[in-house]
Amino acid sequence: MKRIMTCIECPQGCRLEIEADGARVISVSGNKCKRGAAYARQEIEAPMRTLTTAVLTRGLELKMLPVRSSKPIPKDKLFAAMAAVKLIVVTSPVHAGAVVAADFLGLGVDLLACRGLDKI
């Protein structure tokens, strides 16, 4: 199976042609740097995404706290991650970069606050 995608690893935006056998990459062409081949393999074989969302707060200056994952998580875990995020409620003041949920979903990834919030 042949797939075409645009590499987003550097500003060149190479047009990648990927020959794949199901979920296994056979060859990558069109990349001008080695990051393009690595990107194509990652995207086909085990796609990862950084989760960016918001969690509820109680007693803080905003009703929602923006959060993100400390590292990308497997794309197929995003729906489970969003279901888990809905259960999180932050009640203590936080500073930007604070861990809101450690080892989120057992993936070895922390959920981090993207801004600080104080009590009302």
N, C-alpha and C. Protein backbone atom coordinates (compact mmCIF):
# COMPACT_ATOMS: atom_id res chain seq x y z
N MET A 1 0.84 -1.17 0.00
CA MET A 1 0.00 0.00 0.00
C MET A 1 0.89 1.23 0.00
N LYS A 2 0.59 2.18 -0.84
CA LYS A 2 1.37 3.41 -0.95
C LYS A 2 0.60 4.55 -0.29
N ARG A 3 1.30 5.33 0.53
CA ARG A 3 0.69 6.48 1.19
C ARG A 3 1.54 7.71 0.94
N ILE A 4 0.89 8.85 0.87
CA ILE A 4 1.56 10.14 0.69
C ILE A 4 1.25 10.97 1.94
N MET A 5 2.29 11.60 2.51
CA MET A 5 2.07 12.51 3.63
C MET A 5 3.11 13.61 3.59
N THR A 6 2.83 14.69 4.27
CA THR A 6 3.76 15.80 4.38
C THR A 6 4.47 15.70 5.72
N CYS A 7 5.78 15.76 5.69
CA CYS A 7 6.57 15.68 6.91
C CYS A 7 6.46 17.01 7.66
N ILE A 8 6.31 16.94 8.98
CA ILE A 8 6.21 18.15 9.81
C ILE A 8 7.39 18.28 10.79
N GLU A 9 8.43 17.50 10.58
CA GLU A 9 9.56 17.50 11.50
C GLU A 9 10.48 18.70 11.34
N CYS A 10 10.54 19.31 10.19
CA CYS A 10 11.37 20.50 9.99
C CYS A 10 10.63 21.44 9.03
N PRO A 11 11.12 22.66 8.83
CA PRO A 11 10.43 23.64 7.99
C PRO A 11 10.34 23.29 6.51
N GLN A 12 11.09 22.28 6.04
CA GLN A 12 11.08 21.96 4.61
C GLN A 12 9.74 21.40 4.14
N GLY A 13 9.03 20.68 5.00
CA GLY A 13 7.72 20.12 4.64
C GLY A 13 7.78 19.18 3.46
N CYS A 14 8.69 18.23 3.51
CA CYS A 14 8.87 17.28 2.40
C CYS A 14 7.61 16.45 2.15
N ARG A 15 7.39 16.14 0.89
CA ARG A 15 6.29 15.25 0.50
C ARG A 15 6.85 13.83 0.54
N LEU A 16 6.37 13.05 1.50
CA LEU A 16 6.87 11.70 1.70
C LEU A 16 6.00 10.68 0.99
N GLU A 17 6.63 9.73 0.34
CA GLU A 17 5.93 8.60 -0.25
C GLU A 17 6.33 7.37 0.56
N ILE A 18 5.33 6.75 1.17
CA ILE A 18 5.59 5.62 2.05
C ILE A 18 4.99 4.36 1.44
N GLU A 19 5.81 3.33 1.34
CA GLU A 19 5.34 2.02 0.92
C GLU A 19 5.21 1.21 2.21
N ALA A 20 4.00 0.74 2.48
CA ALA A 20 3.75 0.03 3.73
C ALA A 20 3.01 -1.28 3.47
N ASP A 21 3.28 -2.22 4.33
CA ASP A 21 2.60 -3.51 4.31
C ASP A 21 1.76 -3.57 5.59
N GLY A 22 0.54 -3.05 5.52
CA GLY A 22 -0.30 -2.95 6.71
C GLY A 22 0.25 -1.87 7.63
N ALA A 23 0.67 -2.27 8.84
CA ALA A 23 1.19 -1.31 9.81
C ALA A 23 2.72 -1.34 9.88
N ARG A 24 3.37 -1.87 8.84
CA ARG A 24 4.83 -1.94 8.82
C ARG A 24 5.35 -1.20 7.59
N VAL A 25 6.28 -0.28 7.80
CA VAL A 25 6.84 0.53 6.71
C VAL A 25 7.92 -0.28 6.00
N ILE A 26 7.82 -0.33 4.68
CA ILE A 26 8.81 -1.02 3.86
C ILE A 26 9.85 -0.01 3.36
N SER A 27 9.39 1.14 2.85
CA SER A 27 10.33 2.15 2.37
C SER A 27 9.71 3.54 2.47
N VAL A 28 10.60 4.53 2.57
CA VAL A 28 10.19 5.94 2.61
C VAL A 28 11.04 6.69 1.61
N SER A 29 10.41 7.51 0.78
CA SER A 29 11.15 8.33 -0.16
C SER A 29 10.59 9.74 -0.16
N GLY A 30 11.38 10.66 -0.68
CA GLY A 30 10.96 12.06 -0.75
C GLY A 30 11.47 12.91 0.40
N ASN A 31 12.05 12.27 1.42
CA ASN A 31 12.56 13.04 2.56
C ASN A 31 13.94 13.61 2.23
N LYS A 32 14.15 14.88 2.65
CA LYS A 32 15.43 15.54 2.41
C LYS A 32 16.35 15.42 3.61
N CYS A 33 15.84 14.93 4.73
CA CYS A 33 16.67 14.70 5.92
C CYS A 33 16.21 13.39 6.57
N LYS A 34 17.05 12.85 7.45
CA LYS A 34 16.72 11.55 8.05
C LYS A 34 15.54 11.64 9.02
N ARG A 35 15.21 12.85 9.49
CA ARG A 35 14.06 12.99 10.37
C ARG A 35 12.76 12.64 9.65
N GLY A 36 12.71 12.86 8.36
CA GLY A 36 11.51 12.55 7.58
C GLY A 36 11.21 11.06 7.57
N ALA A 37 12.23 10.24 7.40
CA ALA A 37 12.03 8.79 7.41
C ALA A 37 11.58 8.32 8.78
N ALA A 38 12.19 8.87 9.84
CA ALA A 38 11.80 8.49 11.21
C ALA A 38 10.36 8.92 11.49
N TYR A 39 9.98 10.12 11.02
CA TYR A 39 8.62 10.61 11.21
C TYR A 39 7.61 9.69 10.52
N ALA A 40 7.89 9.31 9.29
CA ALA A 40 6.99 8.45 8.54
C ALA A 40 6.81 7.11 9.22
N ARG A 41 7.91 6.52 9.67
CA ARG A 41 7.83 5.22 10.38
C ARG A 41 6.99 5.34 11.64
N GLN A 42 7.24 6.39 12.42
CA GLN A 42 6.49 6.60 13.67
C GLN A 42 4.99 6.78 13.37
N GLU A 43 4.70 7.58 12.37
CA GLU A 43 3.30 7.90 12.06
C GLU A 43 2.53 6.69 11.53
N ILE A 44 3.19 5.81 10.81
CA ILE A 44 2.52 4.62 10.27
C ILE A 44 2.48 3.49 11.30
N GLU A 45 3.60 3.23 11.96
CA GLU A 45 3.70 2.06 12.83
C GLU A 45 3.14 2.28 14.23
N ALA A 46 3.33 3.45 14.81
CA ALA A 46 2.86 3.71 16.17
C ALA A 46 2.64 5.21 16.36
N PRO A 47 1.56 5.76 15.80
CA PRO A 47 1.34 7.20 15.89
C PRO A 47 1.18 7.68 17.33
N MET A 48 1.79 8.82 17.63
CA MET A 48 1.75 9.41 18.97
C MET A 48 1.23 10.85 18.85
N ARG A 49 0.57 11.32 19.90
CA ARG A 49 0.06 12.69 19.93
C ARG A 49 0.25 13.27 21.33
N THR A 50 0.53 14.57 21.39
CA THR A 50 0.54 15.27 22.66
C THR A 50 -0.90 15.65 22.97
N LEU A 51 -1.35 15.31 24.15
CA LEU A 51 -2.72 15.61 24.57
C LEU A 51 -2.76 17.02 25.14
N THR A 52 -3.58 17.87 24.58
CA THR A 52 -3.80 19.21 25.12
C THR A 52 -5.29 19.37 25.34
N THR A 53 -5.67 19.72 26.56
CA THR A 53 -7.08 19.84 26.90
C THR A 53 -7.20 20.72 28.14
N ALA A 54 -8.29 20.62 28.86
CA ALA A 54 -8.49 21.37 30.10
C ALA A 54 -9.23 20.49 31.10
N VAL A 55 -8.95 20.73 32.38
CA VAL A 55 -9.63 20.00 33.45
C VAL A 55 -10.45 20.99 34.27
N LEU A 56 -11.46 20.49 34.93
CA LEU A 56 -12.31 21.33 35.78
C LEU A 56 -11.57 21.76 37.03
N THR A 57 -11.96 22.92 37.56
CA THR A 57 -11.42 23.39 38.84
C THR A 57 -12.59 23.76 39.74
N ARG A 58 -12.32 23.80 41.04
CA ARG A 58 -13.31 24.26 42.02
C ARG A 58 -12.60 25.19 42.99
N GLY A 59 -13.15 26.38 43.19
CA GLY A 59 -12.59 27.33 44.13
C GLY A 59 -11.36 28.07 43.62
N LEU A 60 -11.08 27.98 42.35
CA LEU A 60 -9.94 28.69 41.77
C LEU A 60 -10.45 29.81 40.86
N GLU A 61 -9.54 30.67 40.43
CA GLU A 61 -9.94 31.87 39.68
C GLU A 61 -10.56 31.60 38.31
N LEU A 62 -10.31 30.44 37.72
CA LEU A 62 -10.94 30.05 36.46
C LEU A 62 -11.66 28.71 36.65
N LYS A 63 -12.67 28.46 35.83
CA LYS A 63 -13.42 27.19 35.93
C LYS A 63 -12.69 26.02 35.28
N MET A 64 -11.77 26.33 34.37
CA MET A 64 -11.03 25.29 33.66
C MET A 64 -9.53 25.62 33.72
N LEU A 65 -8.72 24.57 33.83
CA LEU A 65 -7.27 24.70 33.85
C LEU A 65 -6.72 24.03 32.61
N PRO A 66 -6.02 24.77 31.75
CA PRO A 66 -5.43 24.12 30.57
C PRO A 66 -4.29 23.19 30.99
N VAL A 67 -4.27 22.00 30.40
CA VAL A 67 -3.25 20.99 30.70
C VAL A 67 -2.76 20.35 29.41
N ARG A 68 -1.58 19.71 29.51
CA ARG A 68 -1.04 18.96 28.37
C ARG A 68 -0.25 17.79 28.92
N SER A 69 -0.05 16.80 28.07
CA SER A 69 0.77 15.66 28.47
C SER A 69 2.24 16.04 28.37
N SER A 70 3.06 15.49 29.27
CA SER A 70 4.48 15.82 29.29
C SER A 70 5.22 15.23 28.10
N LYS A 71 4.69 14.17 27.53
CA LYS A 71 5.25 13.52 26.34
C LYS A 71 4.07 13.05 25.49
N PRO A 72 4.29 12.79 24.23
CA PRO A 72 3.21 12.24 23.40
C PRO A 72 2.75 10.88 23.93
N ILE A 73 1.47 10.61 23.71
CA ILE A 73 0.90 9.32 24.09
C ILE A 73 0.41 8.61 22.83
N PRO A 74 0.23 7.29 22.89
CA PRO A 74 -0.25 6.58 21.70
C PRO A 74 -1.61 7.14 21.25
N LYS A 75 -1.73 7.34 19.95
CA LYS A 75 -2.96 7.91 19.38
C LYS A 75 -4.19 7.09 19.75
N ASP A 76 -4.04 5.76 19.84
CA ASP A 76 -5.20 4.93 20.16
C ASP A 76 -5.62 5.03 21.62
N LYS A 77 -4.89 5.75 22.44
CA LYS A 77 -5.24 5.96 23.86
C LYS A 77 -5.91 7.31 24.10
N LEU A 78 -6.07 8.12 23.06
CA LEU A 78 -6.62 9.47 23.24
C LEU A 78 -8.05 9.47 23.79
N PHE A 79 -8.90 8.60 23.33
CA PHE A 79 -10.28 8.58 23.83
C PHE A 79 -10.33 8.16 25.29
N ALA A 80 -9.52 7.18 25.68
CA ALA A 80 -9.44 6.78 27.09
C ALA A 80 -8.88 7.92 27.93
N ALA A 81 -7.90 8.63 27.38
CA ALA A 81 -7.32 9.76 28.09
C ALA A 81 -8.35 10.86 28.32
N MET A 82 -9.14 11.16 27.31
CA MET A 82 -10.15 12.19 27.47
C MET A 82 -11.24 11.78 28.46
N ALA A 83 -11.58 10.51 28.50
CA ALA A 83 -12.54 10.02 29.50
C ALA A 83 -11.97 10.19 30.91
N ALA A 84 -10.68 9.93 31.08
CA ALA A 84 -10.03 10.09 32.38
C ALA A 84 -9.91 11.56 32.76
N VAL A 85 -9.68 12.43 31.79
CA VAL A 85 -9.57 13.87 32.06
C VAL A 85 -10.88 14.41 32.62
N LYS A 86 -12.00 13.90 32.15
CA LYS A 86 -13.31 14.37 32.62
C LYS A 86 -13.51 14.13 34.12
N LEU A 87 -12.76 13.19 34.70
CA LEU A 87 -12.90 12.85 36.11
C LEU A 87 -11.99 13.68 37.02
N ILE A 88 -11.09 14.45 36.44
CA ILE A 88 -10.13 15.23 37.23
C ILE A 88 -10.73 16.59 37.60
N VAL A 89 -10.63 16.94 38.88
CA VAL A 89 -11.04 18.25 39.36
C VAL A 89 -9.91 18.80 40.24
N VAL A 90 -9.38 19.95 39.87
CA VAL A 90 -8.30 20.58 40.62
C VAL A 90 -8.90 21.56 41.62
N THR A 91 -8.52 21.42 42.90
CA THR A 91 -9.08 22.29 43.94
C THR A 91 -8.01 23.13 44.64
N SER A 92 -6.74 22.79 44.46
CA SER A 92 -5.65 23.53 45.10
C SER A 92 -5.00 24.46 44.09
N PRO A 93 -4.47 25.59 44.55
CA PRO A 93 -3.74 26.48 43.63
C PRO A 93 -2.61 25.72 42.96
N VAL A 94 -2.35 26.03 41.71
CA VAL A 94 -1.28 25.38 40.95
C VAL A 94 -0.44 26.43 40.25
N HIS A 95 0.79 26.08 39.91
CA HIS A 95 1.64 26.96 39.12
C HIS A 95 1.86 26.29 37.76
N ALA A 96 2.24 27.07 36.79
CA ALA A 96 2.49 26.54 35.44
C ALA A 96 3.56 25.47 35.51
N GLY A 97 3.32 24.34 34.89
CA GLY A 97 4.26 23.23 34.89
C GLY A 97 4.03 22.22 35.99
N ALA A 98 3.11 22.50 36.90
CA ALA A 98 2.82 21.58 38.00
C ALA A 98 2.18 20.30 37.47
N VAL A 99 2.48 19.19 38.11
CA VAL A 99 1.90 17.90 37.72
C VAL A 99 0.48 17.83 38.27
N VAL A 100 -0.48 17.71 37.39
CA VAL A 100 -1.89 17.58 37.77
C VAL A 100 -2.24 16.12 37.98
N ALA A 101 -1.69 15.23 37.15
CA ALA A 101 -1.90 13.79 37.27
C ALA A 101 -0.59 13.09 36.90
N ALA A 102 0.01 12.42 37.89
CA ALA A 102 1.27 11.71 37.65
C ALA A 102 0.99 10.35 37.02
N ASP A 103 1.89 9.89 36.16
CA ASP A 103 1.77 8.60 35.47
C ASP A 103 0.35 8.40 34.94
N PHE A 104 -0.08 9.36 34.16
CA PHE A 104 -1.44 9.39 33.61
C PHE A 104 -1.73 8.12 32.82
N LEU A 105 -2.77 7.43 33.18
CA LEU A 105 -3.23 6.18 32.56
C LEU A 105 -2.16 5.08 32.59
N GLY A 106 -1.17 5.21 33.47
CA GLY A 106 -0.11 4.21 33.54
C GLY A 106 0.81 4.22 32.32
N LEU A 107 0.85 5.34 31.60
CA LEU A 107 1.65 5.44 30.38
C LEU A 107 3.03 6.03 30.63
N GLY A 108 3.34 6.36 31.88
CA GLY A 108 4.62 6.99 32.17
C GLY A 108 4.68 8.44 31.73
N VAL A 109 3.52 9.06 31.58
CA VAL A 109 3.39 10.43 31.13
C VAL A 109 2.63 11.21 32.20
N ASP A 110 3.07 12.42 32.51
CA ASP A 110 2.37 13.26 33.47
C ASP A 110 1.46 14.24 32.74
N LEU A 111 0.39 14.64 33.41
CA LEU A 111 -0.49 15.69 32.90
C LEU A 111 -0.05 16.97 33.60
N LEU A 112 0.38 17.98 32.84
CA LEU A 112 0.95 19.20 33.38
C LEU A 112 0.03 20.40 33.22
N ALA A 113 0.01 21.28 34.23
CA ALA A 113 -0.74 22.53 34.15
C ALA A 113 -0.02 23.47 33.18
N CYS A 114 -0.76 24.13 32.31
CA CYS A 114 -0.17 25.04 31.35
C CYS A 114 -0.16 26.49 31.84
N ARG A 115 -0.79 26.75 32.97
CA ARG A 115 -0.78 28.09 33.56
C ARG A 115 -1.02 27.96 35.05
N GLY A 116 -0.71 28.99 35.77
CA GLY A 116 -0.94 28.99 37.20
C GLY A 116 -2.33 29.49 37.53
N LEU A 117 -2.90 28.96 38.60
CA LEU A 117 -4.21 29.43 39.09
C LEU A 117 -4.15 29.56 40.59
N ASP A 118 -4.76 30.63 41.11
CA ASP A 118 -4.85 30.87 42.54
C ASP A 118 -6.29 30.69 43.02
N LYS A 119 -6.47 30.67 44.34
CA LYS A 119 -7.81 30.63 44.92
C LYS A 119 -8.57 31.89 44.56
N ILE A 120 -9.87 31.82 44.64
CA ILE A 120 -10.71 33.01 44.36
C ILE A 120 -10.50 34.04 45.44
